[in-house]
């Protein structure tokens, strides 16, 4: 019985073919982002796109997104509503400060409210930038408003 040589690791094009690929949901989000970059930049168009994305949602994702939209626009009316990778988002001077990722978008266990670095939520050497949301309680709504006010402050 002959000894088998250990298999060589794939390199070059072969490695690229076996490397992990983007999920269907990630590819869809990238296509949505490409379309967003080609669209009009007006505030009205951005808000219309955002509201259309919320209308496509179902269940708790839709309820949370609708409530977040009301809270964010009331707390920071100067933020520009828009979509970002197909998700509701709010920007200042074109830069996204925060966004809502519905649980269904990436088949996650819960929805999230995320903040980009432009929100400057810095607190010491480590701080959260994404918050899981399963329901918006009065305490949660208060926390959202505090975070938004801090992000725009």
Protein backbone atom coordinates (compact mmCIF):
# COMPACT_ATOMS: atom_id res chain seq x y z
CA UNK A 1 0.00 0.00 0.00
CA UNK A 2 1.54 3.29 -1.11
CA UNK A 3 1.72 6.28 1.21
CA UNK A 4 -0.53 9.14 0.13
CA UNK A 5 1.04 12.54 -0.09
CA UNK A 6 -0.74 15.30 1.86
CA UNK A 7 -2.90 17.49 -0.35
CA UNK A 8 -1.47 20.87 -1.20
CA UNK A 9 -3.36 23.97 -0.18
CA UNK A 10 -5.06 25.68 -3.09
CA UNK A 11 -3.37 28.82 -4.34
CA UNK A 12 -4.17 31.53 -6.86
CA UNK A 13 -7.35 31.06 -8.87
CA UNK A 14 -8.11 27.72 -7.22
CA UNK A 15 -8.07 29.35 -3.78
CA UNK A 16 -10.34 32.13 -4.99
CA UNK A 17 -12.88 29.54 -6.19
CA UNK A 18 -12.92 27.81 -2.78
CA UNK A 19 -12.84 30.95 -0.64
CA UNK A 20 -16.04 31.86 1.25
CA UNK A 21 -18.41 33.92 -0.86
CA UNK A 22 -20.92 36.59 0.00
CA UNK A 23 -24.36 35.39 1.00
CA UNK A 24 -27.34 36.10 -1.23
CA UNK A 25 -28.49 38.70 1.31
CA UNK A 26 -25.09 40.44 1.28
CA UNK A 27 -25.02 40.50 -2.54
CA UNK A 28 -28.56 41.95 -2.58
CA UNK A 29 -27.50 44.68 -0.12
CA UNK A 30 -24.53 45.57 -2.32
CA UNK A 31 -26.78 45.81 -5.39
CA UNK A 32 -29.13 48.08 -3.42
CA UNK A 33 -26.22 50.30 -2.41
CA UNK A 34 -25.14 50.58 -6.03
CA UNK A 35 -28.65 51.71 -7.02
CA UNK A 36 -28.72 54.21 -4.12
CA UNK A 37 -25.51 55.83 -5.30
CA UNK A 38 -26.99 56.34 -8.77
CA UNK A 39 -30.24 57.93 -7.53
CA UNK A 40 -31.16 61.53 -6.82
CA UNK A 41 -29.78 63.02 -3.64
CA UNK A 42 -32.77 65.15 -2.62
CA UNK A 43 -34.12 64.91 0.92
CA UNK A 44 -37.64 64.17 -0.35
CA UNK A 45 -36.38 61.29 -2.51
CA UNK A 46 -34.35 59.93 0.41
CA UNK A 47 -37.32 59.98 2.74
CA UNK A 48 -39.58 58.40 0.11
CA UNK A 49 -37.04 55.59 -0.36
CA UNK A 50 -36.75 55.10 3.40
CA UNK A 51 -40.54 54.95 3.87
CA UNK A 52 -40.84 52.50 0.97
CA UNK A 53 -38.28 50.20 2.63
CA UNK A 54 -40.17 50.38 5.92
CA UNK A 55 -43.43 49.57 4.09
CA UNK A 56 -41.79 46.41 2.66
CA UNK A 57 -41.00 45.14 6.17
CA UNK A 58 -43.30 42.86 8.13
CA UNK A 59 -44.07 42.15 11.76
CA UNK A 60 -41.91 43.58 14.50
CA UNK A 61 -39.29 44.83 12.01
CA UNK A 62 -41.88 47.17 10.53
CA UNK A 63 -43.23 48.28 13.92
CA UNK A 64 -39.75 49.02 15.23
CA UNK A 65 -38.68 50.82 12.02
CA UNK A 66 -41.80 53.02 12.03
CA UNK A 67 -41.28 53.96 15.68
CA UNK A 68 -37.56 54.61 15.19
CA UNK A 69 -38.33 56.86 12.23
CA UNK A 70 -40.73 58.89 14.36
CA UNK A 71 -38.26 59.12 17.26
CA UNK A 72 -35.26 60.01 15.12
CA UNK A 73 -37.01 62.63 13.00
CA UNK A 74 -38.46 64.25 16.14
CA UNK A 75 -35.14 64.23 18.05
CA UNK A 76 -32.99 65.30 15.10
CA UNK A 77 -35.08 66.92 12.34
CA UNK A 78 -31.94 68.08 10.52
CA UNK A 79 -30.80 64.53 9.78
CA UNK A 80 -31.42 63.44 6.20
CA UNK A 81 -33.56 60.29 5.89
CA UNK A 82 -32.26 57.92 3.22
CA UNK A 83 -31.52 54.28 2.57
CA UNK A 84 -28.10 52.72 3.03
CA UNK A 85 -27.54 49.22 1.65
CA UNK A 86 -31.32 49.02 1.44
CA UNK A 87 -31.82 49.85 5.13
CA UNK A 88 -33.41 52.95 6.68
CA UNK A 89 -30.65 55.39 7.59
CA UNK A 90 -30.14 58.97 8.72
CA UNK A 91 -27.26 61.14 7.55
CA UNK A 92 -25.68 64.52 8.15
CA UNK A 93 -23.78 66.22 5.33
CA UNK A 94 -24.11 63.02 3.30
CA UNK A 95 -22.47 60.80 5.93
CA UNK A 96 -24.66 58.12 7.56
CA UNK A 97 -24.83 58.56 11.33
CA UNK A 98 -27.24 55.75 12.15
CA UNK A 99 -29.21 52.99 10.46
CA UNK A 100 -31.81 50.35 11.21
CA UNK A 101 -31.09 46.77 10.18
CA UNK A 102 -34.25 44.66 10.23
CA UNK A 103 -33.84 41.12 11.51
CA UNK A 104 -35.23 39.65 8.29
CA UNK A 105 -32.65 41.39 6.07
CA UNK A 106 -29.85 39.01 7.04
CA UNK A 107 -31.99 36.33 8.73
CA UNK A 108 -30.84 37.51 12.16
CA UNK A 109 -32.38 36.77 15.52
CA UNK A 110 -33.07 40.45 16.23
CA UNK A 111 -33.13 43.85 14.55
CA UNK A 112 -30.40 46.38 15.28
CA UNK A 113 -29.92 50.13 15.49
CA UNK A 114 -26.38 50.89 14.41
CA UNK A 115 -24.22 54.00 14.59
CA UNK A 116 -21.26 54.75 12.34
CA UNK A 117 -18.10 56.44 13.59
CA UNK A 118 -19.41 59.85 12.46
CA UNK A 119 -21.88 59.61 15.37
CA UNK A 120 -18.91 59.90 17.75
CA UNK A 121 -20.45 57.89 20.57
CA UNK A 122 -16.94 57.46 21.97
CA UNK A 123 -16.85 56.53 25.64
CA UNK A 124 -13.42 55.55 26.93
CA UNK A 125 -11.48 52.90 25.03
CA UNK A 126 -14.47 50.67 24.20
CA UNK A 127 -18.18 51.37 23.58
CA UNK A 128 -21.17 49.87 21.76
CA UNK A 129 -22.10 51.10 18.29
CA UNK A 130 -24.88 48.61 17.53
CA UNK A 131 -27.90 47.93 19.71
CA UNK A 132 -30.13 44.86 19.46
CA UNK A 133 -33.84 45.65 19.48
CA UNK A 134 -36.58 43.06 20.01
CA UNK A 135 -39.23 45.62 21.02
CA UNK A 136 -39.26 49.35 21.76
CA UNK A 137 -40.34 49.93 25.33
CA UNK A 138 -40.64 53.44 26.81
CA UNK A 139 -37.17 52.92 28.35
CA UNK A 140 -35.79 51.81 24.98
CA UNK A 141 -37.34 54.81 23.23
CA UNK A 142 -35.75 57.11 25.79
CA UNK A 143 -32.36 55.45 25.18
CA UNK A 144 -32.75 55.84 21.40
CA UNK A 145 -33.50 59.56 21.76
CA UNK A 146 -30.49 60.00 24.07
CA UNK A 147 -28.21 58.24 21.58
CA UNK A 148 -29.51 60.29 18.65
CA UNK A 149 -29.13 63.56 20.54
CA UNK A 150 -25.59 62.57 21.52
CA UNK A 151 -24.77 61.60 17.92
CA UNK A 152 -25.92 64.96 16.53
CA UNK A 153 -24.69 67.03 19.47
